[in-house]
Amino acid sequence: MLFELVTFFIGIAFGYFHAGKEDYTSILWRGAAIGTVVGIVSVLASYYLIPGSTSLSFDFLGAFGIILVIVLFVIILIAGAFVGDQAERLLRK
């Protein structure tokens, strides 16, 4: 759960500090790219550096489970980016 919260807060920061015109397609694609990198790093950290229950785990599914966890991290980061974008729009008016 720790890595998911960190990923969500990274997404909020990304959405909040992404200045300029609110282009949701751009936020979606950049969020997906950043989310993939964050997801891979988080999966590797949760599996090898800090084993235990600090993150989602689908060990029984093998490689598909790892890909599924990375996709979930991408979705979490994109959701955080949209929340951060909405917060920027509300707070900077």
PDB file of N, CA and C in Angstrom:
ATOM      1  N   MET A   1       0.808  -1.195   0.000  1.00  0.00           N
ATOM      2  CA  MET A   1       0.000   0.000   0.000  1.00  0.00           C
ATOM      3  C   MET A   1       0.854   1.263   0.000  1.00  0.00           C
ATOM      4  N   LEU A   2       2.061   1.145   0.516  1.00  0.00           N
ATOM      5  CA  LEU A   2       2.955   2.302   0.587  1.00  0.00           C
ATOM      6  C   LEU A   2       3.334   2.800  -0.806  1.00  0.00           C
ATOM      7  N   PHE A   3       3.696   1.890  -1.702  1.00  0.00           N
ATOM      8  CA  PHE A   3       4.106   2.307  -3.039  1.00  0.00           C
ATOM      9  C   PHE A   3       2.932   2.877  -3.841  1.00  0.00           C
ATOM     10  N   GLU A   4       1.736   2.389  -3.601  1.00  0.00           N
ATOM     11  CA  GLU A   4       0.574   2.932  -4.297  1.00  0.00           C
ATOM     12  C   GLU A   4       0.301   4.368  -3.866  1.00  0.00           C
ATOM     13  N   LEU A   5       0.420   4.640  -2.572  1.00  0.00           N
ATOM     14  CA  LEU A   5       0.221   6.005  -2.090  1.00  0.00           C
ATOM     15  C   LEU A   5       1.293   6.945  -2.618  1.00  0.00           C
ATOM     16  N   VAL A   6       2.531   6.493  -2.634  1.00  0.00           N
ATOM     17  CA  VAL A   6       3.615   7.318  -3.169  1.00  0.00           C
ATOM     18  C   VAL A   6       3.370   7.600  -4.651  1.00  0.00           C
ATOM     19  N   THR A   7       2.947   6.606  -5.399  1.00  0.00           N
ATOM     20  CA  THR A   7       2.652   6.784  -6.819  1.00  0.00           C
ATOM     21  C   THR A   7       1.497   7.754  -7.017  1.00  0.00           C
ATOM     22  N   PHE A   8       0.480   7.656  -6.185  1.00  0.00           N
ATOM     23  CA  PHE A   8      -0.653   8.578  -6.287  1.00  0.00           C
ATOM     24  C   PHE A   8      -0.220  10.011  -6.003  1.00  0.00           C
ATOM     25  N   PHE A   9       0.622  10.216  -4.991  1.00  0.00           N
ATOM     26  CA  PHE A   9       1.101  11.561  -4.672  1.00  0.00           C
ATOM     27  C   PHE A   9       2.049  12.093  -5.743  1.00  0.00           C
ATOM     28  N   ILE A  10       2.839  11.224  -6.370  1.00  0.00           N
ATOM     29  CA  ILE A  10       3.658  11.647  -7.503  1.00  0.00           C
ATOM     30  C   ILE A  10       2.755  12.098  -8.648  1.00  0.00           C
ATOM     31  N   GLY A  11       1.663  11.384  -8.873  1.00  0.00           N
ATOM     32  CA  GLY A  11       0.705  11.772  -9.907  1.00  0.00           C
ATOM     33  C   GLY A  11       0.039  13.105  -9.603  1.00  0.00           C
ATOM     34  N   ILE A  12      -0.312  13.320  -8.346  1.00  0.00           N
ATOM     35  CA  ILE A  12      -0.906  14.607  -7.963  1.00  0.00           C
ATOM     36  C   ILE A  12       0.090  15.739  -8.197  1.00  0.00           C
ATOM     37  N   ALA A  13       1.340  15.521  -7.809  1.00  0.00           N
ATOM     38  CA  ALA A  13       2.363  16.549  -8.027  1.00  0.00           C
ATOM     39  C   ALA A  13       2.572  16.796  -9.517  1.00  0.00           C
ATOM     40  N   PHE A  14       2.584  15.725 -10.307  1.00  0.00           N
ATOM     41  CA  PHE A  14       2.742  15.872 -11.753  1.00  0.00           C
ATOM     42  C   PHE A  14       1.591  16.687 -12.341  1.00  0.00           C
ATOM     43  N   GLY A  15       0.372  16.376 -11.957  1.00  0.00           N
ATOM     44  CA  GLY A  15      -0.781  17.102 -12.472  1.00  0.00           C
ATOM     45  C   GLY A  15      -0.834  18.541 -11.987  1.00  0.00           C
ATOM     46  N   TYR A  16      -0.406  18.778 -10.768  1.00  0.00           N
ATOM     47  CA  TYR A  16      -0.456  20.131 -10.202  1.00  0.00           C
ATOM     48  C   TYR A  16       0.606  21.039 -10.815  1.00  0.00           C
ATOM     49  N   PHE A  17       1.810  20.529 -11.006  1.00  0.00           N
ATOM     50  CA  PHE A  17       2.899  21.357 -11.497  1.00  0.00           C
ATOM     51  C   PHE A  17       3.002  21.375 -13.012  1.00  0.00           C
ATOM     52  N   HIS A  18       2.123  20.670 -13.710  1.00  0.00           N
ATOM     53  CA  HIS A  18       2.094  20.695 -15.169  1.00  0.00           C
ATOM     54  C   HIS A  18       1.372  21.963 -15.587  1.00  0.00           C
ATOM     55  N   ALA A  19       2.145  22.994 -15.848  1.00  0.00           N
ATOM     56  CA  ALA A  19       1.567  24.307 -16.146  1.00  0.00           C
ATOM     57  C   ALA A  19       1.130  24.387 -17.601  1.00  0.00           C
ATOM     58  N   GLY A  20       0.327  25.367 -17.878  1.00  0.00           N
ATOM     59  CA  GLY A  20      -0.084  25.608 -19.253  1.00  0.00           C
ATOM     60  C   GLY A  20      -1.525  25.209 -19.498  1.00  0.00           C
ATOM     61  N   LYS A  21      -1.852  25.147 -20.787  1.00  0.00           N
ATOM     62  CA  LYS A  21      -3.199  24.788 -21.190  1.00  0.00           C
ATOM     63  C   LYS A  21      -3.505  23.348 -20.763  1.00  0.00           C
ATOM     64  N   GLU A  22      -4.720  23.148 -20.313  1.00  0.00           N
ATOM     65  CA  GLU A  22      -5.133  21.832 -19.819  1.00  0.00           C
ATOM     66  C   GLU A  22      -5.441  20.906 -20.985  1.00  0.00           C
ATOM     67  N   ASP A  23      -4.437  20.233 -21.466  1.00  0.00           N
ATOM     68  CA  ASP A  23      -4.582  19.289 -22.559  1.00  0.00           C
ATOM     69  C   ASP A  23      -4.597  17.888 -21.956  1.00  0.00           C
ATOM     70  N   TYR A  24      -5.789  17.318 -21.808  1.00  0.00           N
ATOM     71  CA  TYR A  24      -5.925  16.038 -21.116  1.00  0.00           C
ATOM     72  C   TYR A  24      -5.291  14.882 -21.880  1.00  0.00           C
ATOM     73  N   THR A  25      -5.236  14.977 -23.191  1.00  0.00           N
ATOM     74  CA  THR A  25      -4.580  13.925 -23.958  1.00  0.00           C
ATOM     75  C   THR A  25      -3.087  13.904 -23.661  1.00  0.00           C
ATOM     76  N   SER A  26      -2.489  15.080 -23.586  1.00  0.00           N
ATOM     77  CA  SER A  26      -1.069  15.180 -23.261  1.00  0.00           C
ATOM     78  C   SER A  26      -0.797  14.676 -21.848  1.00  0.00           C
ATOM     79  N   ILE A  27      -1.640  15.045 -20.905  1.00  0.00           N
ATOM     80  CA  ILE A  27      -1.481  14.574 -19.529  1.00  0.00           C
ATOM     81  C   ILE A  27      -1.629  13.063 -19.478  1.00  0.00           C
ATOM     82  N   LEU A  28      -2.557  12.519 -20.247  1.00  0.00           N
ATOM     83  CA  LEU A  28      -2.766  11.076 -20.268  1.00  0.00           C
ATOM     84  C   LEU A  28      -1.534  10.341 -20.800  1.00  0.00           C
ATOM     85  N   TRP A  29      -0.975  10.798 -21.927  1.00  0.00           N
ATOM     86  CA  TRP A  29       0.180  10.117 -22.520  1.00  0.00           C
ATOM     87  C   TRP A  29       1.432  10.292 -21.670  1.00  0.00           C
ATOM     88  N   ARG A  30       1.669  11.503 -21.172  1.00  0.00           N
ATOM     89  CA  ARG A  30       2.839  11.710 -20.314  1.00  0.00           C
ATOM     90  C   ARG A  30       2.680  10.960 -18.996  1.00  0.00           C
ATOM     91  N   GLY A  31       1.476  10.970 -18.463  1.00  0.00           N
ATOM     92  CA  GLY A  31       1.218  10.212 -17.238  1.00  0.00           C
ATOM     93  C   GLY A  31       1.421   8.720 -17.437  1.00  0.00           C
ATOM     94  N   ALA A  32       1.038   8.212 -18.618  1.00  0.00           N
ATOM     95  CA  ALA A  32       1.245   6.792 -18.909  1.00  0.00           C
ATOM     96  C   ALA A  32       2.731   6.471 -19.006  1.00  0.00           C
ATOM     97  N   ALA A  33       3.494   7.356 -19.629  1.00  0.00           N
ATOM     98  CA  ALA A  33       4.936   7.119 -19.745  1.00  0.00           C
ATOM     99  C   ALA A  33       5.611   7.170 -18.375  1.00  0.00           C
ATOM    100  N   ILE A  34       5.307   8.181 -17.602  1.00  0.00           N
ATOM    101  CA  ILE A  34       5.892   8.301 -16.266  1.00  0.00           C
ATOM    102  C   ILE A  34       5.381   7.181 -15.372  1.00  0.00           C
ATOM    103  N   GLY A  35       4.116   6.853 -15.502  1.00  0.00           N
ATOM    104  CA  GLY A  35       3.540   5.774 -14.699  1.00  0.00           C
ATOM    105  C   GLY A  35       4.172   4.426 -14.992  1.00  0.00           C
ATOM    106  N   THR A  36       4.543   4.193 -16.251  1.00  0.00           N
ATOM    107  CA  THR A  36       5.218   2.945 -16.592  1.00  0.00           C
ATOM    108  C   THR A  36       6.573   2.865 -15.908  1.00  0.00           C
ATOM    109  N   VAL A  37       7.314   3.960 -15.942  1.00  0.00           N
ATOM    110  CA  VAL A  37       8.624   3.979 -15.286  1.00  0.00           C
ATOM    111  C   VAL A  37       8.470   3.820 -13.770  1.00  0.00           C
ATOM    112  N   VAL A  38       7.559   4.571 -13.181  1.00  0.00           N
ATOM    113  CA  VAL A  38       7.335   4.465 -11.739  1.00  0.00           C
ATOM    114  C   VAL A  38       6.829   3.075 -11.375  1.00  0.00           C
ATOM    115  N   GLY A  39       5.979   2.507 -12.204  1.00  0.00           N
ATOM    116  CA  GLY A  39       5.466   1.164 -11.951  1.00  0.00           C
ATOM    117  C   GLY A  39       6.556   0.112 -11.984  1.00  0.00           C
ATOM    118  N   ILE A  40       7.440   0.198 -12.972  1.00  0.00           N
ATOM    119  CA  ILE A  40       8.541  -0.761 -13.055  1.00  0.00           C
ATOM    120  C   ILE A  40       9.464  -0.628 -11.859  1.00  0.00           C
ATOM    121  N   VAL A  41       9.803   0.597 -11.502  1.00  0.00           N
ATOM    122  CA  VAL A  41      10.675   0.815 -10.342  1.00  0.00           C
ATOM    123  C   VAL A  41       9.997   0.321  -9.068  1.00  0.00           C
ATOM    124  N   SER A  42       8.732   0.605  -8.911  1.00  0.00           N
ATOM    125  CA  SER A  42       8.018   0.177  -7.710  1.00  0.00           C
ATOM    126  C   SER A  42       7.894  -1.336  -7.623  1.00  0.00           C
ATOM    127  N   VAL A  43       7.628  -1.972  -8.751  1.00  0.00           N
ATOM    128  CA  VAL A  43       7.522  -3.436  -8.755  1.00  0.00           C
ATOM    129  C   VAL A  43       8.867  -4.064  -8.407  1.00  0.00           C
ATOM    130  N   LEU A  44       9.926  -3.566  -9.026  1.00  0.00           N
ATOM    131  CA  LEU A  44      11.249  -4.104  -8.715  1.00  0.00           C
ATOM    132  C   LEU A  44      11.618  -3.862  -7.258  1.00  0.00           C
ATOM    133  N   ALA A  45      11.311  -2.676  -6.749  1.00  0.00           N
ATOM    134  CA  ALA A  45      11.620  -2.380  -5.347  1.00  0.00           C
ATOM    135  C   ALA A  45      10.797  -3.242  -4.404  1.00  0.00           C
ATOM    136  N   SER A  46       9.527  -3.434  -4.720  1.00  0.00           N
ATOM    137  CA  SER A  46       8.685  -4.207  -3.810  1.00  0.00           C
ATOM    138  C   SER A  46       8.996  -5.703  -3.872  1.00  0.00           C
ATOM    139  N   TYR A  47       9.480  -6.190  -5.011  1.00  0.00           N
ATOM    140  CA  TYR A  47       9.793  -7.614  -5.126  1.00  0.00           C
ATOM    141  C   TYR A  47      11.175  -7.966  -4.607  1.00  0.00           C
ATOM    142  N   TYR A  48      12.147  -7.090  -4.844  1.00  0.00           N
ATOM    143  CA  TYR A  48      13.528  -7.460  -4.566  1.00  0.00           C
ATOM    144  C   TYR A  48      14.169  -6.683  -3.422  1.00  0.00           C
ATOM    145  N   LEU A  49      13.928  -5.390  -3.323  1.00  0.00           N
ATOM    146  CA  LEU A  49      14.583  -4.594  -2.287  1.00  0.00           C
ATOM    147  C   LEU A  49      13.867  -4.645  -0.949  1.00  0.00           C
ATOM    148  N   ILE A  50      12.550  -4.551  -0.997  1.00  0.00           N
ATOM    149  CA  ILE A  50      11.754  -4.519   0.221  1.00  0.00           C
ATOM    150  C   ILE A  50      10.682  -5.591   0.121  1.00  0.00           C
ATOM    151  N   PRO A  51      11.038  -6.852   0.247  1.00  0.00           N
ATOM    152  CA  PRO A  51      10.007  -7.894   0.137  1.00  0.00           C
ATOM    153  C   PRO A  51       9.053  -7.845   1.328  1.00  0.00           C
ATOM    154  N   GLY A  52       7.845  -8.188   1.083  1.00  0.00           N
ATOM    155  CA  GLY A  52       6.830  -8.155   2.131  1.00  0.00           C
ATOM    156  C   GLY A  52       5.543  -7.598   1.578  1.00  0.00           C
ATOM    157  N   SER A  53       4.770  -7.019   2.411  1.00  0.00           N
ATOM    158  CA  SER A  53       3.453  -6.533   2.001  1.00  0.00           C
ATOM    159  C   SER A  53       3.429  -5.023   1.852  1.00  0.00           C
ATOM    160  N   THR A  54       4.399  -4.444   1.124  1.00  0.00           N
ATOM    161  CA  THR A  54       4.404  -3.005   0.926  1.00  0.00           C
ATOM    162  C   THR A  54       3.717  -2.589  -0.356  1.00  0.00           C
ATOM    163  N   SER A  55       3.305  -3.542  -1.173  1.00  0.00           N
ATOM    164  CA  SER A  55       2.690  -3.215  -2.452  1.00  0.00           C
ATOM    165  C   SER A  55       1.777  -4.353  -2.893  1.00  0.00           C
ATOM    166  N   LEU A  56       1.094  -4.123  -4.005  1.00  0.00           N
ATOM    167  CA  LEU A  56       0.295  -5.172  -4.618  1.00  0.00           C
ATOM    168  C   LEU A  56       1.196  -6.314  -5.040  1.00  0.00           C
ATOM    169  N   SER A  57       0.688  -7.519  -5.005  1.00  0.00           N
ATOM    170  CA  SER A  57       1.508  -8.656  -5.395  1.00  0.00           C
ATOM    171  C   SER A  57       0.639  -9.718  -6.059  1.00  0.00           C
ATOM    172  N   PHE A  58       1.018 -10.059  -7.269  1.00  0.00           N
ATOM    173  CA  PHE A  58       0.361 -11.144  -8.000  1.00  0.00           C
ATOM    174  C   PHE A  58       1.420 -12.157  -8.391  1.00  0.00           C
ATOM    175  N   ASP A  59       2.151 -12.655  -7.408  1.00  0.00           N
ATOM    176  CA  ASP A  59       3.239 -13.598  -7.670  1.00  0.00           C
ATOM    177  C   ASP A  59       2.765 -14.873  -8.341  1.00  0.00           C
ATOM    178  N   PHE A  60       1.563 -15.298  -8.010  1.00  0.00           N
ATOM    179  CA  PHE A  60       1.070 -16.562  -8.548  1.00  0.00           C
ATOM    180  C   PHE A  60       0.796 -16.487 -10.045  1.00  0.00           C
ATOM    181  N   LEU A  61       0.737 -15.280 -10.615  1.00  0.00           N
ATOM    182  CA  LEU A  61       0.479 -15.141 -12.049  1.00  0.00           C
ATOM    183  C   LEU A  61       1.761 -15.019 -12.866  1.00  0.00           C
ATOM    184  N   GLY A  62       2.898 -14.947 -12.227  1.00  0.00           N
ATOM    185  CA  GLY A  62       4.170 -14.866 -12.933  1.00  0.00           C
ATOM    186  C   GLY A  62       4.369 -13.543 -13.644  1.00  0.00           C
ATOM    187  N   ALA A  63       4.851 -13.606 -14.886  1.00  0.00           N
ATOM    188  CA  ALA A  63       5.150 -12.397 -15.661  1.00  0.00           C
ATOM    189  C   ALA A  63       3.884 -11.588 -15.928  1.00  0.00           C
ATOM    190  N   PHE A  64       2.772 -12.263 -16.156  1.00  0.00           N
ATOM    191  CA  PHE A  64       1.513 -11.544 -16.366  1.00  0.00           C
ATOM    192  C   PHE A  64       1.133 -10.747 -15.120  1.00  0.00           C
ATOM    193  N   GLY A  65       1.395 -11.303 -13.949  1.00  0.00           N
ATOM    194  CA  GLY A  65       1.115 -10.595 -12.702  1.00  0.00           C
ATOM    195  C   GLY A  65       1.956  -9.342 -12.555  1.00  0.00           C
ATOM    196  N   ILE A  66       3.216  -9.410 -12.972  1.00  0.00           N
ATOM    197  CA  ILE A  66       4.081  -8.229 -12.910  1.00  0.00           C
ATOM    198  C   ILE A  66       3.572  -7.154 -13.861  1.00  0.00           C
ATOM    199  N   ILE A  67       3.189  -7.554 -15.067  1.00  0.00           N
ATOM    200  CA  ILE A  67       2.641  -6.592 -16.029  1.00  0.00           C
ATOM    201  C   ILE A  67       1.343  -5.999 -15.508  1.00  0.00           C
ATOM    202  N   LEU A  68       0.523  -6.808 -14.875  1.00  0.00           N
ATOM    203  CA  LEU A  68      -0.735  -6.322 -14.300  1.00  0.00           C
ATOM    204  C   LEU A  68      -0.479  -5.297 -13.206  1.00  0.00           C
ATOM    205  N   VAL A  69       0.502  -5.533 -12.365  1.00  0.00           N
ATOM    206  CA  VAL A  69       0.838  -4.584 -11.304  1.00  0.00           C
ATOM    207  C   VAL A  69       1.360  -3.278 -11.902  1.00  0.00           C
ATOM    208  N   ILE A  70       2.177  -3.364 -12.948  1.00  0.00           N
ATOM    209  CA  ILE A  70       2.673  -2.151 -13.605  1.00  0.00           C
ATOM    210  C   ILE A  70       1.520  -1.361 -14.206  1.00  0.00           C
ATOM    211  N   VAL A  71       0.575  -2.026 -14.835  1.00  0.00           N
ATOM    212  CA  VAL A  71      -0.598  -1.343 -15.400  1.00  0.00           C
ATOM    213  C   VAL A  71      -1.414  -0.675 -14.291  1.00  0.00           C
ATOM    214  N   LEU A  72      -1.551  -1.340 -13.157  1.00  0.00           N
ATOM    215  CA  LEU A  72      -2.274  -0.725 -12.039  1.00  0.00           C
ATOM    216  C   LEU A  72      -1.552   0.516 -11.528  1.00  0.00           C
ATOM    217  N   PHE A  73      -0.217   0.479 -11.483  1.00  0.00           N
ATOM    218  CA  PHE A  73       0.535   1.667 -11.083  1.00  0.00           C
ATOM    219  C   PHE A  73       0.351   2.799 -12.090  1.00  0.00           C
ATOM    220  N   VAL A  74       0.289   2.474 -13.370  1.00  0.00           N
ATOM    221  CA  VAL A  74       0.041   3.491 -14.392  1.00  0.00           C
ATOM    222  C   VAL A  74      -1.328   4.123 -14.182  1.00  0.00           C
ATOM    223  N   ILE A  75      -2.330   3.315 -13.910  1.00  0.00           N
ATOM    224  CA  ILE A  75      -3.686   3.835 -13.677  1.00  0.00           C
ATOM    225  C   ILE A  75      -3.714   4.712 -12.429  1.00  0.00           C
ATOM    226  N   ILE A  76      -3.030   4.307 -11.377  1.00  0.00           N
ATOM    227  CA  ILE A  76      -2.977   5.103 -10.147  1.00  0.00           C
ATOM    228  C   ILE A  76      -2.307   6.445 -10.402  1.00  0.00           C
ATOM    229  N   LEU A  77      -1.186   6.445 -11.159  1.00  0.00           N
ATOM    230  CA  LEU A  77      -0.500   7.699 -11.436  1.00  0.00           C
ATOM    231  C   LEU A  77      -1.344   8.609 -12.308  1.00  0.00           C
ATOM    232  N   ILE A  78      -2.019   8.067 -13.304  1.00  0.00           N
ATOM    233  CA  ILE A  78      -2.863   8.894 -14.170  1.00  0.00           C
ATOM    234  C   ILE A  78      -4.028   9.480 -13.373  1.00  0.00           C
ATOM    235  N   ALA A  79      -4.626   8.690 -12.491  1.00  0.00           N
ATOM    236  CA  ALA A  79      -5.703   9.218 -11.644  1.00  0.00           C
ATOM    237  C   ALA A  79      -5.175  10.346 -10.765  1.00  0.00           C
ATOM    238  N   GLY A  80      -3.984  10.178 -10.206  1.00  0.00           N
ATOM    239  CA  GLY A  80      -3.377  11.240  -9.405  1.00  0.00           C
ATOM    240  C   GLY A  80      -3.087  12.478 -10.228  1.00  0.00           C
ATOM    241  N   ALA A  81      -2.661  12.293 -11.482  1.00  0.00           N
ATOM    242  CA  ALA A  81      -2.384  13.438 -12.355  1.00  0.00           C
ATOM    243  C   ALA A  81      -3.658  14.223 -12.636  1.00  0.00           C
ATOM    244  N   PHE A  82      -4.764  13.532 -12.858  1.00  0.00           N
ATOM    245  CA  PHE A  82      -6.020  14.244 -13.082  1.00  0.00           C
ATOM    246  C   PHE A  82      -6.501  14.948 -11.814  1.00  0.00           C
ATOM    247  N   VAL A  83      -6.308  14.337 -10.660  1.00  0.00           N
ATOM    248  CA  VAL A  83      -6.662  14.994  -9.392  1.00  0.00           C
ATOM    249  C   VAL A  83      -5.799  16.235  -9.196  1.00  0.00           C
ATOM    250  N   GLY A  84      -4.496  16.112  -9.454  1.00  0.00           N
ATOM    251  CA  GLY A  84      -3.598  17.257  -9.329  1.00  0.00           C
ATOM    252  C   GLY A  84      -3.937  18.363 -10.299  1.00  0.00           C
ATOM    253  N   ASP A  85      -4.356  18.014 -11.507  1.00  0.00           N
ATOM    254  CA  ASP A  85      -4.745  19.009 -12.496  1.00  0.00           C
ATOM    255  C   ASP A  85      -5.995  19.758 -12.049  1.00  0.00           C
ATOM    256  N   GLN A  86      -6.956  19.022 -11.509  1.00  0.00           N
ATOM    257  CA  GLN A  86      -8.164  19.665 -10.995  1.00  0.00           C
ATOM    258  C   GLN A  86      -7.844  20.574  -9.797  1.00  0.00           C
ATOM    259  N   ALA A  87      -6.939  20.121  -8.928  1.00  0.00           N
ATOM    260  CA  ALA A  87      -6.530  20.943  -7.786  1.00  0.00           C
ATOM    261  C   ALA A  87      -5.838  22.203  -8.250  1.00  0.00           C
ATOM    262  N   GLU A  88      -5.008  22.087  -9.281  1.00  0.00           N
ATOM    263  CA  GLU A  88      -4.340  23.284  -9.825  1.00  0.00           C
ATOM    264  C   GLU A  88      -5.360  24.268 -10.363  1.00  0.00           C
ATOM    265  N   ARG A  89      -6.339  23.750 -11.082  1.00  0.00           N
ATOM    266  CA  ARG A  89      -7.351  24.630 -11.662  1.00  0.00           C
ATOM    267  C   ARG A  89      -8.165  25.325 -10.567  1.00  0.00           C
ATOM    268  N   LEU A  90      -8.485  24.619  -9.488  1.00  0.00           N
ATOM    269  CA  LEU A  90      -9.279  25.217  -8.417  1.00  0.00           C
ATOM    270  C   LEU A  90      -8.470  26.173  -7.550  1.00  0.00           C
ATOM    271  N   LEU A  91      -7.223  25.856  -7.273  1.00  0.00           N
ATOM    272  CA  LEU A  91      -6.419  26.667  -6.353  1.00  0.00           C
ATOM    273  C   LEU A  91      -5.759  27.865  -7.001  1.00  0.00           C
ATOM    274  N   ARG A  92      -5.555  27.841  -8.277  1.00  0.00           N
ATOM    275  CA  ARG A  92      -4.866  28.950  -8.945  1.00  0.00           C
ATOM    276  C   ARG A  92      -5.803  29.976  -9.573  1.00  0.00           C
ATOM    277  N   LYS A  93      -7.086  29.849  -9.322  1.00  0.00           N
ATOM    278  CA  LYS A  93      -8.042  30.839  -9.850  1.00  0.00           C
ATOM    279  C   LYS A  93      -8.126  32.021  -8.953  1.00  0.00           C
TER     280      LYS A  93
END
